[in-house]
Amino acid sequence: MTETAKLTPTFRKTHSPVPWPQIITMRHVLVHDYLGIDLAEVWAVVVRDLPTLKKQIQQMLKPRIKRSPKS
C-alpha cells in the first residue's frame, strides 16, 4: 500500500477499476493521522473492500506470472 502513490498515472489509468485515490488516502491517514484512526472503519474496509482489491491485484499479476521463468 505504501508504494501506491509511486505508480505511474498510465498504470493507474490502465487499471482504473482499482480505487487508487481511496487507497492513497487510506495510507495517508494510517501513516500520518494514526491517533485519529477509526478502527471500526479500518476493519470495515478490510472486510468490505480487501477481497475485491485482492482479486483485482491477482488479475493484474496474471500476465506477469505467465511470463516468469519456471524455477
N, C-alpha and C. Protein backbone atom coordinates (compact mmCIF):
# COMPACT_ATOMS: atom_id res chain seq x y z
N MET A 1 0.83 -1.19 0.00
CA MET A 1 0.00 0.00 0.00
C MET A 1 0.87 1.25 0.00
N THR A 2 2.04 1.19 0.60
CA THR A 2 2.87 2.38 0.69
C THR A 2 3.41 2.81 -0.65
N GLU A 3 3.52 1.91 -1.59
CA GLU A 3 4.08 2.24 -2.90
C GLU A 3 3.03 2.69 -3.90
N THR A 4 1.77 2.68 -3.53
CA THR A 4 0.68 3.01 -4.45
C THR A 4 0.84 4.38 -5.06
N ALA A 5 1.26 5.36 -4.28
CA ALA A 5 1.40 6.72 -4.77
C ALA A 5 2.49 6.82 -5.83
N LYS A 6 3.41 5.85 -5.87
CA LYS A 6 4.51 5.89 -6.83
C LYS A 6 4.14 5.27 -8.18
N LEU A 7 2.96 4.68 -8.28
CA LEU A 7 2.54 4.11 -9.56
C LEU A 7 2.32 5.22 -10.57
N THR A 8 2.69 4.96 -11.80
CA THR A 8 2.54 5.99 -12.84
C THR A 8 1.06 6.23 -13.14
N PRO A 9 0.75 7.43 -13.58
CA PRO A 9 -0.64 7.71 -13.97
C PRO A 9 -1.12 6.76 -15.07
N THR A 10 -0.24 6.37 -15.97
CA THR A 10 -0.62 5.43 -17.03
C THR A 10 -1.01 4.09 -16.44
N PHE A 11 -0.24 3.61 -15.50
CA PHE A 11 -0.57 2.34 -14.85
C PHE A 11 -1.91 2.43 -14.15
N ARG A 12 -2.10 3.50 -13.40
CA ARG A 12 -3.37 3.67 -12.69
C ARG A 12 -4.55 3.76 -13.65
N LYS A 13 -4.34 4.44 -14.77
CA LYS A 13 -5.41 4.57 -15.75
C LYS A 13 -5.70 3.22 -16.40
N THR A 14 -4.66 2.45 -16.68
CA THR A 14 -4.82 1.12 -17.27
C THR A 14 -5.62 0.21 -16.34
N HIS A 15 -5.42 0.39 -15.05
CA HIS A 15 -6.10 -0.43 -14.05
C HIS A 15 -7.10 0.44 -13.27
N SER A 16 -7.91 1.16 -14.01
CA SER A 16 -8.82 2.14 -13.41
C SER A 16 -9.89 1.58 -12.49
N PRO A 17 -10.31 0.30 -12.61
CA PRO A 17 -11.31 -0.19 -11.65
C PRO A 17 -10.80 -0.20 -10.21
N VAL A 18 -9.50 -0.20 -10.04
CA VAL A 18 -8.93 -0.18 -8.69
C VAL A 18 -9.09 1.25 -8.13
N PRO A 19 -9.58 1.38 -6.91
CA PRO A 19 -9.83 2.71 -6.34
C PRO A 19 -8.54 3.37 -5.81
N TRP A 20 -7.64 3.72 -6.73
CA TRP A 20 -6.33 4.26 -6.34
C TRP A 20 -6.41 5.46 -5.41
N PRO A 21 -7.25 6.46 -5.69
CA PRO A 21 -7.28 7.63 -4.79
C PRO A 21 -7.67 7.25 -3.35
N GLN A 22 -8.62 6.33 -3.21
CA GLN A 22 -9.03 5.91 -1.88
C GLN A 22 -7.92 5.13 -1.17
N ILE A 23 -7.18 4.33 -1.92
CA ILE A 23 -6.06 3.59 -1.33
C ILE A 23 -4.99 4.55 -0.84
N ILE A 24 -4.68 5.55 -1.65
CA ILE A 24 -3.66 6.54 -1.27
C ILE A 24 -4.12 7.33 -0.04
N THR A 25 -5.39 7.70 -0.02
CA THR A 25 -5.93 8.44 1.13
C THR A 25 -5.87 7.59 2.40
N MET A 26 -6.24 6.32 2.29
CA MET A 26 -6.20 5.43 3.45
C MET A 26 -4.78 5.31 3.99
N ARG A 27 -3.84 5.14 3.11
CA ARG A 27 -2.44 5.05 3.52
C ARG A 27 -2.01 6.34 4.24
N HIS A 28 -2.40 7.47 3.68
CA HIS A 28 -2.04 8.76 4.28
C HIS A 28 -2.60 8.87 5.71
N VAL A 29 -3.84 8.49 5.88
CA VAL A 29 -4.46 8.53 7.21
C VAL A 29 -3.74 7.59 8.17
N LEU A 30 -3.48 6.36 7.73
CA LEU A 30 -2.82 5.39 8.60
C LEU A 30 -1.42 5.81 9.02
N VAL A 31 -0.71 6.47 8.11
CA VAL A 31 0.67 6.86 8.40
C VAL A 31 0.76 8.18 9.16
N HIS A 32 -0.09 9.13 8.81
CA HIS A 32 0.06 10.48 9.37
C HIS A 32 -0.96 10.86 10.43
N ASP A 33 -2.06 10.15 10.51
CA ASP A 33 -3.10 10.50 11.47
C ASP A 33 -3.43 9.31 12.35
N TYR A 34 -2.39 8.58 12.73
CA TYR A 34 -2.61 7.32 13.45
C TYR A 34 -3.33 7.49 14.78
N LEU A 35 -3.28 8.66 15.39
CA LEU A 35 -4.02 8.87 16.64
C LEU A 35 -5.51 9.10 16.39
N GLY A 36 -5.84 9.43 15.15
CA GLY A 36 -7.24 9.69 14.83
C GLY A 36 -7.89 8.57 14.02
N ILE A 37 -7.25 7.43 13.97
CA ILE A 37 -7.76 6.32 13.17
C ILE A 37 -9.02 5.74 13.81
N ASP A 38 -10.02 5.53 13.00
CA ASP A 38 -11.26 4.88 13.43
C ASP A 38 -11.09 3.39 13.13
N LEU A 39 -10.79 2.61 14.16
CA LEU A 39 -10.52 1.19 13.97
C LEU A 39 -11.70 0.44 13.38
N ALA A 40 -12.90 0.85 13.72
CA ALA A 40 -14.09 0.21 13.14
C ALA A 40 -14.14 0.44 11.63
N GLU A 41 -13.77 1.63 11.20
CA GLU A 41 -13.76 1.93 9.76
C GLU A 41 -12.64 1.15 9.05
N VAL A 42 -11.48 1.05 9.69
CA VAL A 42 -10.39 0.27 9.10
C VAL A 42 -10.84 -1.18 8.93
N TRP A 43 -11.46 -1.75 9.96
CA TRP A 43 -11.92 -3.12 9.87
C TRP A 43 -13.00 -3.27 8.79
N ALA A 44 -13.87 -2.29 8.69
CA ALA A 44 -14.91 -2.33 7.65
C ALA A 44 -14.29 -2.36 6.26
N VAL A 45 -13.24 -1.58 6.07
CA VAL A 45 -12.53 -1.58 4.79
C VAL A 45 -11.91 -2.95 4.53
N VAL A 46 -11.30 -3.53 5.54
CA VAL A 46 -10.69 -4.86 5.40
C VAL A 46 -11.73 -5.88 4.97
N VAL A 47 -12.85 -5.89 5.64
CA VAL A 47 -13.89 -6.89 5.37
C VAL A 47 -14.61 -6.60 4.05
N ARG A 48 -14.92 -5.34 3.81
CA ARG A 48 -15.74 -4.96 2.65
C ARG A 48 -14.93 -4.85 1.36
N ASP A 49 -13.75 -4.24 1.42
CA ASP A 49 -13.04 -3.85 0.21
C ASP A 49 -11.82 -4.72 -0.14
N LEU A 50 -11.18 -5.29 0.85
CA LEU A 50 -9.96 -6.04 0.57
C LEU A 50 -10.17 -7.28 -0.31
N PRO A 51 -11.24 -8.04 -0.16
CA PRO A 51 -11.42 -9.18 -1.05
C PRO A 51 -11.48 -8.78 -2.54
N THR A 52 -12.17 -7.69 -2.82
CA THR A 52 -12.25 -7.20 -4.20
C THR A 52 -10.89 -6.72 -4.68
N LEU A 53 -10.19 -5.98 -3.84
CA LEU A 53 -8.86 -5.48 -4.21
C LEU A 53 -7.91 -6.65 -4.47
N LYS A 54 -8.00 -7.67 -3.65
CA LYS A 54 -7.14 -8.85 -3.84
C LYS A 54 -7.38 -9.46 -5.23
N LYS A 55 -8.63 -9.60 -5.62
CA LYS A 55 -8.96 -10.16 -6.93
C LYS A 55 -8.42 -9.27 -8.05
N GLN A 56 -8.55 -7.95 -7.87
CA GLN A 56 -8.06 -7.02 -8.88
C GLN A 56 -6.55 -7.14 -9.04
N ILE A 57 -5.84 -7.24 -7.94
CA ILE A 57 -4.39 -7.36 -7.98
C ILE A 57 -3.98 -8.69 -8.60
N GLN A 58 -4.68 -9.76 -8.27
CA GLN A 58 -4.39 -11.05 -8.88
C GLN A 58 -4.56 -10.99 -10.39
N GLN A 59 -5.58 -10.29 -10.86
CA GLN A 59 -5.79 -10.13 -12.30
C GLN A 59 -4.64 -9.35 -12.93
N MET A 60 -4.15 -8.33 -12.25
CA MET A 60 -3.03 -7.55 -12.76
C MET A 60 -1.76 -8.39 -12.85
N LEU A 61 -1.59 -9.31 -11.92
CA LEU A 61 -0.37 -10.11 -11.86
C LEU A 61 -0.39 -11.30 -12.81
N LYS A 62 -1.54 -11.73 -13.28
CA LYS A 62 -1.63 -12.90 -14.16
C LYS A 62 -0.68 -12.83 -15.35
N PRO A 63 -0.64 -11.73 -16.10
CA PRO A 63 0.29 -11.69 -17.24
C PRO A 63 1.76 -11.84 -16.80
N ARG A 64 2.11 -11.29 -15.66
CA ARG A 64 3.49 -11.41 -15.17
C ARG A 64 3.81 -12.84 -14.76
N ILE A 65 2.87 -13.51 -14.14
CA ILE A 65 3.09 -14.86 -13.69
C ILE A 65 3.29 -15.78 -14.90
N LYS A 66 2.52 -15.58 -15.95
CA LYS A 66 2.63 -16.41 -17.15
C LYS A 66 3.98 -16.20 -17.84
N ARG A 67 4.56 -14.99 -17.76
CA ARG A 67 5.82 -14.69 -18.43
C ARG A 67 7.03 -15.08 -17.60
N SER A 68 6.87 -15.25 -16.29
CA SER A 68 8.02 -15.52 -15.44
C SER A 68 8.60 -16.91 -15.73
N PRO A 69 9.93 -17.02 -15.67
CA PRO A 69 10.56 -18.31 -15.95
C PRO A 69 10.25 -19.31 -14.84
N LYS A 70 10.19 -20.58 -15.21
CA LYS A 70 9.95 -21.64 -14.23
C LYS A 70 11.18 -21.83 -13.37
N SER A 71 10.95 -22.11 -12.08
CA SER A 71 12.07 -22.32 -11.16
C SER A 71 12.51 -23.77 -11.19
